[in-house]
């Protein structure tokens, strides 16, 4: 496991190494690495490490909690307007307004009430964010996401009933399962529904995800080191 990183040089080295792995996996799959976006998962990481990654040229990040987005990102975005932020954790309706204001992509759309709230907030503010539907490919009762058997009707509802800007699908395979099955399933559901963006794969399995068509890989540990618990600012 990568140790906790503290210097810009180490962060830059890690980003370069992950990009090399992405390029190698893409080459082996006969894909153009430019079609694969690295989302650096910065949840629980302090501002200085995120800024080190930005200093190394990286522009796309992911956070798990709106509370943490509120704590860290207004200042970072004020200094770096070209940085893009993905929300990759669950979104509650009472945090929806701030999520739309601060995030550029929401990867965890998983219920009709949230769809309605997102559409209303985007209409009220004029700010449009790309939305990915989270799919519970393992059908785990404790995990958020639309069940595979319902994904086609859910995508159709988002498009026809609400005109939500659905850009793609996202999944988090069960921890103990072979991820290839879940990646193949997600890619097929995206293809069937004409969705271009497929967010899947993390530090331990993103090469496999690329082989099955991932357009976005969410990598944290290989860039920033092991995560510490998030402590909101006092």
C-alpha atoms as a PDB file:
ATOM      1  CA  UNK A   1       0.000   0.000   0.000  1.00  0.00           C
ATOM      2  CA  UNK A   2       1.195   3.503  -0.792  1.00  0.00           C
ATOM      3  CA  UNK A   3       2.173   5.455   2.298  1.00  0.00           C
ATOM      4  CA  UNK A   4       0.674   8.812   3.241  1.00  0.00           C
ATOM      5  CA  UNK A   5       2.056  11.324   0.775  1.00  0.00           C
ATOM      6  CA  UNK A   6       3.202  14.777   1.797  1.00  0.00           C
ATOM      7  CA  UNK A   7       5.221  16.306  -1.016  1.00  0.00           C
ATOM      8  CA  UNK A   8       4.311  17.584  -4.451  1.00  0.00           C
ATOM      9  CA  UNK A   9       7.053  15.438  -5.958  1.00  0.00           C
ATOM     10  CA  UNK A  10       5.604  12.230  -4.525  1.00  0.00           C
ATOM     11  CA  UNK A  11       2.078  13.103  -5.662  1.00  0.00           C
ATOM     12  CA  UNK A  12       3.350  13.930  -9.144  1.00  0.00           C
ATOM     13  CA  UNK A  13       5.254  10.637  -9.281  1.00  0.00           C
ATOM     14  CA  UNK A  14       2.170   8.679  -8.254  1.00  0.00           C
ATOM     15  CA  UNK A  15      -0.081  10.404 -10.801  1.00  0.00           C
ATOM     16  CA  UNK A  16       2.450   9.680 -13.528  1.00  0.00           C
ATOM     17  CA  UNK A  17       2.606   6.032 -12.454  1.00  0.00           C
ATOM     18  CA  UNK A  18      -1.190   5.664 -12.509  1.00  0.00           C
ATOM     19  CA  UNK A  19      -1.361   7.319 -15.933  1.00  0.00           C
ATOM     20  CA  UNK A  20       1.282   4.877 -17.163  1.00  0.00           C
ATOM     21  CA  UNK A  21      -0.825   1.987 -15.876  1.00  0.00           C
ATOM     22  CA  UNK A  22      -3.886   3.421 -17.618  1.00  0.00           C
ATOM     23  CA  UNK A  23      -1.954   3.756 -20.881  1.00  0.00           C
ATOM     24  CA  UNK A  24      -0.661   0.190 -20.628  1.00  0.00           C
ATOM     25  CA  UNK A  25      -4.104  -1.229 -19.850  1.00  0.00           C
ATOM     26  CA  UNK A  26      -5.614   0.767 -22.711  1.00  0.00           C
ATOM     27  CA  UNK A  27      -2.953  -0.481 -25.131  1.00  0.00           C
ATOM     28  CA  UNK A  28      -3.620  -4.078 -24.105  1.00  0.00           C
ATOM     29  CA  UNK A  29      -7.347  -3.525 -24.684  1.00  0.00           C
ATOM     30  CA  UNK A  30      -6.785  -1.830 -28.035  1.00  0.00           C
ATOM     31  CA  UNK A  31      -8.130   1.458 -26.714  1.00  0.00           C
ATOM     32  CA  UNK A  32      -6.968   5.060 -26.890  1.00  0.00           C
ATOM     33  CA  UNK A  33      -5.858   6.098 -23.362  1.00  0.00           C
ATOM     34  CA  UNK A  34      -7.168   9.599 -24.105  1.00  0.00           C
ATOM     35  CA  UNK A  35     -10.695   8.162 -23.866  1.00  0.00           C
ATOM     36  CA  UNK A  36     -10.137   7.227 -20.208  1.00  0.00           C
ATOM     37  CA  UNK A  37     -10.450   9.892 -17.504  1.00  0.00           C
ATOM     38  CA  UNK A  38      -8.569   9.505 -14.237  1.00  0.00           C
ATOM     39  CA  UNK A  39     -10.707  10.750 -11.338  1.00  0.00           C
ATOM     40  CA  UNK A  40      -8.354  11.296  -8.380  1.00  0.00           C
ATOM     41  CA  UNK A  41     -10.337  10.423  -5.262  1.00  0.00           C
ATOM     42  CA  UNK A  42      -9.336  13.015  -2.701  1.00  0.00           C
ATOM     43  CA  UNK A  43     -11.817  12.196   0.051  1.00  0.00           C
ATOM     44  CA  UNK A  44     -10.334  12.734   3.536  1.00  0.00           C
ATOM     45  CA  UNK A  45      -7.241  14.311   1.974  1.00  0.00           C
ATOM     46  CA  UNK A  46      -6.125  17.800   3.039  1.00  0.00           C
ATOM     47  CA  UNK A  47      -6.035  20.799   0.745  1.00  0.00           C
ATOM     48  CA  UNK A  48      -2.256  20.731   0.388  1.00  0.00           C
ATOM     49  CA  UNK A  49      -2.231  17.262  -1.165  1.00  0.00           C
ATOM     50  CA  UNK A  50      -5.014  18.194  -3.581  1.00  0.00           C
ATOM     51  CA  UNK A  51      -3.154  21.349  -4.541  1.00  0.00           C
ATOM     52  CA  UNK A  52      -0.009  19.278  -5.044  1.00  0.00           C
ATOM     53  CA  UNK A  53      -1.917  17.100  -7.511  1.00  0.00           C
ATOM     54  CA  UNK A  54      -3.203  20.206  -9.292  1.00  0.00           C
ATOM     55  CA  UNK A  55       0.367  21.507  -9.371  1.00  0.00           C
ATOM     56  CA  UNK A  56       1.359  18.261 -11.061  1.00  0.00           C
ATOM     57  CA  UNK A  57      -1.164  18.996 -13.804  1.00  0.00           C
ATOM     58  CA  UNK A  58      -4.117  16.879 -12.666  1.00  0.00           C
ATOM     59  CA  UNK A  59      -7.558  18.466 -13.070  1.00  0.00           C
ATOM     60  CA  UNK A  60     -10.258  15.906 -12.188  1.00  0.00           C
ATOM     61  CA  UNK A  61     -11.061  14.906  -8.612  1.00  0.00           C
ATOM     62  CA  UNK A  62     -13.725  12.996  -6.695  1.00  0.00           C
ATOM     63  CA  UNK A  63     -15.182  13.460  -3.236  1.00  0.00           C
ATOM     64  CA  UNK A  64     -17.467  11.202  -1.242  1.00  0.00           C
ATOM     65  CA  UNK A  65     -19.317  13.646   1.020  1.00  0.00           C
ATOM     66  CA  UNK A  66     -20.960  16.982   0.295  1.00  0.00           C
ATOM     67  CA  UNK A  67     -19.868  18.160   3.755  1.00  0.00           C
ATOM     68  CA  UNK A  68     -16.264  17.628   2.749  1.00  0.00           C
ATOM     69  CA  UNK A  69     -16.833  19.307  -0.608  1.00  0.00           C
ATOM     70  CA  UNK A  70     -18.158  22.367   1.232  1.00  0.00           C
ATOM     71  CA  UNK A  71     -15.185  22.362   3.572  1.00  0.00           C
ATOM     72  CA  UNK A  72     -12.415  22.143   0.975  1.00  0.00           C
ATOM     73  CA  UNK A  73     -13.488  22.979  -2.527  1.00  0.00           C
ATOM     74  CA  UNK A  74     -14.795  26.558  -2.662  1.00  0.00           C
ATOM     75  CA  UNK A  75     -11.285  27.868  -1.954  1.00  0.00           C
ATOM     76  CA  UNK A  76      -9.608  25.379  -4.308  1.00  0.00           C
ATOM     77  CA  UNK A  77     -12.028  26.171  -7.132  1.00  0.00           C
ATOM     78  CA  UNK A  78     -11.585  29.893  -6.555  1.00  0.00           C
ATOM     79  CA  UNK A  79      -7.884  29.411  -7.297  1.00  0.00           C
ATOM     80  CA  UNK A  80      -8.291  26.794 -10.046  1.00  0.00           C
ATOM     81  CA  UNK A  81     -11.391  27.419 -12.141  1.00  0.00           C
ATOM     82  CA  UNK A  82     -10.509  24.651 -14.611  1.00  0.00           C
ATOM     83  CA  UNK A  83     -10.564  21.869 -12.015  1.00  0.00           C
ATOM     84  CA  UNK A  84     -13.494  19.448 -12.261  1.00  0.00           C
ATOM     85  CA  UNK A  85     -15.115  17.808  -9.239  1.00  0.00           C
ATOM     86  CA  UNK A  86     -17.120  14.583  -9.183  1.00  0.00           C
ATOM     87  CA  UNK A  87     -19.382  13.564  -6.301  1.00  0.00           C
ATOM     88  CA  UNK A  88     -18.883   9.811  -5.926  1.00  0.00           C
ATOM     89  CA  UNK A  89     -20.701   9.244  -2.619  1.00  0.00           C
ATOM     90  CA  UNK A  90     -24.365   9.207  -1.623  1.00  0.00           C
ATOM     91  CA  UNK A  91     -26.331  12.429  -2.051  1.00  0.00           C
ATOM     92  CA  UNK A  92     -29.087  13.373   0.361  1.00  0.00           C
ATOM     93  CA  UNK A  93     -31.790  15.816  -0.705  1.00  0.00           C
ATOM     94  CA  UNK A  94     -30.853  18.322   2.014  1.00  0.00           C
ATOM     95  CA  UNK A  95     -27.355  18.556   0.458  1.00  0.00           C
ATOM     96  CA  UNK A  96     -28.572  18.713  -3.122  1.00  0.00           C
ATOM     97  CA  UNK A  97     -28.366  22.500  -3.519  1.00  0.00           C
ATOM     98  CA  UNK A  98     -24.708  22.595  -2.459  1.00  0.00           C
ATOM     99  CA  UNK A  99     -23.858  19.564  -4.577  1.00  0.00           C
ATOM    100  CA  UNK A 100     -25.212  21.209  -7.725  1.00  0.00           C
ATOM    101  CA  UNK A 101     -23.447  24.465  -6.875  1.00  0.00           C
ATOM    102  CA  UNK A 102     -20.019  22.930  -6.195  1.00  0.00           C
ATOM    103  CA  UNK A 103     -19.798  19.704  -8.218  1.00  0.00           C
ATOM    104  CA  UNK A 104     -19.471  19.268 -11.966  1.00  0.00           C
ATOM    105  CA  UNK A 105     -20.532  15.611 -12.133  1.00  0.00           C
ATOM    106  CA  UNK A 106     -22.782  13.644  -9.776  1.00  0.00           C
ATOM    107  CA  UNK A 107     -22.101   9.924 -10.120  1.00  0.00           C
ATOM    108  CA  UNK A 108     -24.601   8.572  -7.589  1.00  0.00           C
ATOM    109  CA  UNK A 109     -28.117   9.220  -8.878  1.00  0.00           C
ATOM    110  CA  UNK A 110     -30.160   6.336  -7.506  1.00  0.00           C
ATOM    111  CA  UNK A 111     -33.814   7.293  -6.902  1.00  0.00           C
ATOM    112  CA  UNK A 112     -36.659   9.254  -8.457  1.00  0.00           C
ATOM    113  CA  UNK A 113     -36.913  11.850  -5.654  1.00  0.00           C
ATOM    114  CA  UNK A 114     -33.259  12.719  -6.189  1.00  0.00           C
ATOM    115  CA  UNK A 115     -33.805  12.997  -9.949  1.00  0.00           C
ATOM    116  CA  UNK A 116     -36.697  15.397  -9.366  1.00  0.00           C
ATOM    117  CA  UNK A 117     -34.655  17.471  -6.937  1.00  0.00           C
ATOM    118  CA  UNK A 118     -31.671  17.674  -9.276  1.00  0.00           C
ATOM    119  CA  UNK A 119     -33.797  18.774 -12.210  1.00  0.00           C
ATOM    120  CA  UNK A 120     -35.541  21.428 -10.104  1.00  0.00           C
ATOM    121  CA  UNK A 121     -32.247  22.773  -8.732  1.00  0.00           C
ATOM    122  CA  UNK A 122     -30.623  22.924 -12.150  1.00  0.00           C
ATOM    123  CA  UNK A 123     -33.647  24.733 -13.537  1.00  0.00           C
ATOM    124  CA  UNK A 124     -33.620  27.214 -10.646  1.00  0.00           C
ATOM    125  CA  UNK A 125     -29.905  27.999 -10.875  1.00  0.00           C
ATOM    126  CA  UNK A 126     -29.184  27.481 -14.566  1.00  0.00           C
ATOM    127  CA  UNK A 127     -26.233  25.298 -13.604  1.00  0.00           C
ATOM    128  CA  UNK A 128     -26.285  21.937 -15.424  1.00  0.00           C
ATOM    129  CA  UNK A 129     -24.188  19.061 -14.104  1.00  0.00           C
ATOM    130  CA  UNK A 130     -23.642  15.703 -15.757  1.00  0.00           C
ATOM    131  CA  UNK A 131     -25.344  12.870 -13.904  1.00  0.00           C
ATOM    132  CA  UNK A 132     -24.392   9.211 -13.733  1.00  0.00           C
ATOM    133  CA  UNK A 133     -26.775   6.571 -12.432  1.00  0.00           C
ATOM    134  CA  UNK A 134     -25.328   4.311  -9.756  1.00  0.00           C
ATOM    135  CA  UNK A 135     -26.101   0.651 -10.403  1.00  0.00           C
ATOM    136  CA  UNK A 136     -26.050  -1.896  -7.583  1.00  0.00           C
ATOM    137  CA  UNK A 137     -24.589  -4.632  -9.771  1.00  0.00           C
ATOM    138  CA  UNK A 138     -24.126  -6.974  -6.799  1.00  0.00           C
ATOM    139  CA  UNK A 139     -27.704  -6.427  -5.597  1.00  0.00           C
ATOM    140  CA  UNK A 140     -26.347  -5.801  -2.098  1.00  0.00           C
ATOM    141  CA  UNK A 141     -29.129  -4.768   0.317  1.00  0.00           C
ATOM    142  CA  UNK A 142     -26.871  -2.364   2.232  1.00  0.00           C
ATOM    143  CA  UNK A 143     -25.609  -0.576  -0.880  1.00  0.00           C
ATOM    144  CA  UNK A 144     -27.203   2.265  -2.825  1.00  0.00           C
ATOM    145  CA  UNK A 145     -27.942   2.000  -6.526  1.00  0.00           C
ATOM    146  CA  UNK A 146     -30.538   0.891  -9.035  1.00  0.00           C
ATOM    147  CA  UNK A 147     -30.875  -2.868  -9.426  1.00  0.00           C
ATOM    148  CA  UNK A 148     -29.779  -4.184 -12.841  1.00  0.00           C
ATOM    149  CA  UNK A 149     -33.273  -5.423 -13.669  1.00  0.00           C
ATOM    150  CA  UNK A 150     -34.618  -1.853 -13.273  1.00  0.00           C
ATOM    151  CA  UNK A 151     -31.910   0.125 -15.025  1.00  0.00           C
ATOM    152  CA  UNK A 152     -33.570   0.391 -18.440  1.00  0.00           C
ATOM    153  CA  UNK A 153     -36.848   1.745 -17.042  1.00  0.00           C
ATOM    154  CA  UNK A 154     -34.968   4.101 -14.685  1.00  0.00           C
ATOM    155  CA  UNK A 155     -32.901   5.575 -17.523  1.00  0.00           C
ATOM    156  CA  UNK A 156     -36.061   6.016 -19.604  1.00  0.00           C
ATOM    157  CA  UNK A 157     -37.830   7.736 -16.697  1.00  0.00           C
ATOM    158  CA  UNK A 158     -34.877  10.112 -16.183  1.00  0.00           C
ATOM    159  CA  UNK A 159     -34.850  11.013 -19.852  1.00  0.00           C
ATOM    160  CA  UNK A 160     -38.544  11.172 -20.748  1.00  0.00           C
ATOM    161  CA  UNK A 161     -40.216  12.253 -17.516  1.00  0.00           C
ATOM    162  CA  UNK A 162     -37.558  14.623 -16.156  1.00  0.00           C
ATOM    163  CA  UNK A 163     -35.079  15.346 -18.979  1.00  0.00           C
ATOM    164  CA  UNK A 164     -32.219  14.763 -16.550  1.00  0.00           C
ATOM    165  CA  UNK A 165     -28.820  15.031 -18.291  1.00  0.00           C
ATOM    166  CA  UNK A 166     -27.921  11.366 -17.858  1.00  0.00           C
ATOM    167  CA  UNK A 167     -24.368  10.904 -19.100  1.00  0.00           C
ATOM    168  CA  UNK A 168     -23.612   7.365 -17.996  1.00  0.00           C
ATOM    169  CA  UNK A 169     -23.511   4.677 -15.324  1.00  0.00           C
ATOM    170  CA  UNK A 170     -21.387   3.974 -12.260  1.00  0.00           C
ATOM    171  CA  UNK A 171     -20.883   0.914 -10.062  1.00  0.00           C
ATOM    172  CA  UNK A 172     -18.949  -0.283  -7.024  1.00  0.00           C
ATOM    173  CA  UNK A 173     -18.637  -4.096  -7.178  1.00  0.00           C
ATOM    174  CA  UNK A 174     -18.990  -6.141  -3.986  1.00  0.00           C
ATOM    175  CA  UNK A 175     -15.728  -6.197  -2.077  1.00  0.00           C
ATOM    176  CA  UNK A 176     -15.297  -9.983  -2.204  1.00  0.00           C
ATOM    177  CA  UNK A 177     -16.445 -10.566  -5.785  1.00  0.00           C
ATOM    178  CA  UNK A 178     -14.410 -10.871  -8.948  1.00  0.00           C
ATOM    179  CA  UNK A 179     -14.995  -7.400 -10.453  1.00  0.00           C
ATOM    180  CA  UNK A 180     -14.888  -8.461 -14.108  1.00  0.00           C
ATOM    181  CA  UNK A 181     -18.467  -9.729 -14.065  1.00  0.00           C
ATOM    182  CA  UNK A 182     -19.730  -6.434 -12.640  1.00  0.00           C
ATOM    183  CA  UNK A 183     -17.714  -4.361 -15.090  1.00  0.00           C
ATOM    184  CA  UNK A 184     -19.004  -6.370 -18.034  1.00  0.00           C
ATOM    185  CA  UNK A 185     -22.576  -6.038 -16.761  1.00  0.00           C
ATOM    186  CA  UNK A 186     -22.296  -2.263 -16.338  1.00  0.00           C
ATOM    187  CA  UNK A 187     -20.740  -1.828 -19.776  1.00  0.00           C
ATOM    188  CA  UNK A 188     -23.541  -3.835 -21.383  1.00  0.00           C
ATOM    189  CA  UNK A 189     -26.224  -1.786 -19.616  1.00  0.00           C
ATOM    190  CA  UNK A 190     -24.556   1.433 -20.754  1.00  0.00           C
ATOM    191  CA  UNK A 191     -24.300   0.178 -24.346  1.00  0.00           C
ATOM    192  CA  UNK A 192     -27.915  -0.925 -24.368  1.00  0.00           C
ATOM    193  CA  UNK A 193     -29.071   2.506 -23.228  1.00  0.00           C
ATOM    194  CA  UNK A 194     -26.759   4.523 -25.462  1.00  0.00           C
ATOM    195  CA  UNK A 195     -24.784   5.963 -22.538  1.00  0.00           C
ATOM    196  CA  UNK A 196     -21.184   6.960 -23.213  1.00  0.00           C
ATOM    197  CA  UNK A 197     -19.712   7.371 -19.728  1.00  0.00           C
ATOM    198  CA  UNK A 198     -18.891   4.297 -17.651  1.00  0.00           C
ATOM    199  CA  UNK A 199     -17.375   4.975 -14.229  1.00  0.00           C
ATOM    200  CA  UNK A 200     -15.884   1.827 -12.731  1.00  0.00           C
ATOM    201  CA  UNK A 201     -12.610   0.578 -11.327  1.00  0.00           C
ATOM    202  CA  UNK A 202     -10.504   1.735  -8.394  1.00  0.00           C
ATOM    203  CA  UNK A 203      -6.865   1.360  -7.310  1.00  0.00           C
ATOM    204  CA  UNK A 204      -6.931  -2.429  -7.152  1.00  0.00           C
ATOM    205  CA  UNK A 205      -8.887  -3.213 -10.299  1.00  0.00           C
ATOM    206  CA  UNK A 206      -8.957  -0.271 -12.699  1.00  0.00           C
ATOM    207  CA  UNK A 207      -6.922  -2.111 -15.343  1.00  0.00           C
ATOM    208  CA  UNK A 208      -9.653  -4.741 -15.468  1.00  0.00           C
ATOM    209  CA  UNK A 209     -12.282  -2.001 -15.685  1.00  0.00           C
ATOM    210  CA  UNK A 210     -10.451  -0.474 -18.657  1.00  0.00           C
ATOM    211  CA  UNK A 211     -10.470  -3.832 -20.378  1.00  0.00           C
ATOM    212  CA  UNK A 212     -14.267  -3.875 -20.069  1.00  0.00           C
ATOM    213  CA  UNK A 213     -14.753  -0.330 -21.345  1.00  0.00           C
ATOM    214  CA  UNK A 214     -14.404   2.083 -18.402  1.00  0.00           C
ATOM    215  CA  UNK A 215     -14.293   5.715 -19.480  1.00  0.00           C
ATOM    216  CA  UNK A 216     -13.672   6.951 -15.920  1.00  0.00           C
ATOM    217  CA  UNK A 217     -11.568   5.215 -13.261  1.00  0.00           C
ATOM    218  CA  UNK A 218     -11.705   6.380  -9.639  1.00  0.00           C
ATOM    219  CA  UNK A 219      -8.276   6.102  -8.031  1.00  0.00           C
ATOM    220  CA  UNK A 220      -7.377   7.350  -4.567  1.00  0.00           C
ATOM    221  CA  UNK A 221      -4.902   5.191  -2.662  1.00  0.00           C
ATOM    222  CA  UNK A 222      -2.434   4.820  -5.537  1.00  0.00           C
ATOM    223  CA  UNK A 223      -2.218   8.610  -5.745  1.00  0.00           C
ATOM    224  CA  UNK A 224      -2.665   9.936  -2.229  1.00  0.00           C
ATOM    225  CA  UNK A 225      -1.885   6.947  -0.001  1.00  0.00           C
ATOM    226  CA  UNK A 226      -4.115   5.324   2.582  1.00  0.00           C
ATOM    227  CA  UNK A 227      -7.090   7.357   3.753  1.00  0.00           C
ATOM    228  CA  UNK A 228      -7.477   8.822   7.214  1.00  0.00           C
ATOM    229  CA  UNK A 229     -10.951   9.530   8.643  1.00  0.00           C
ATOM    230  CA  UNK A 230     -12.410  12.827   7.491  1.00  0.00           C
ATOM    231  CA  UNK A 231     -12.497  15.492  10.210  1.00  0.00           C
ATOM    232  CA  UNK A 232     -14.621  18.497   9.262  1.00  0.00           C
ATOM    233  CA  UNK A 233     -13.242  21.929   9.977  1.00  0.00           C
ATOM    234  CA  UNK A 234     -14.206  23.369  13.360  1.00  0.00           C
END
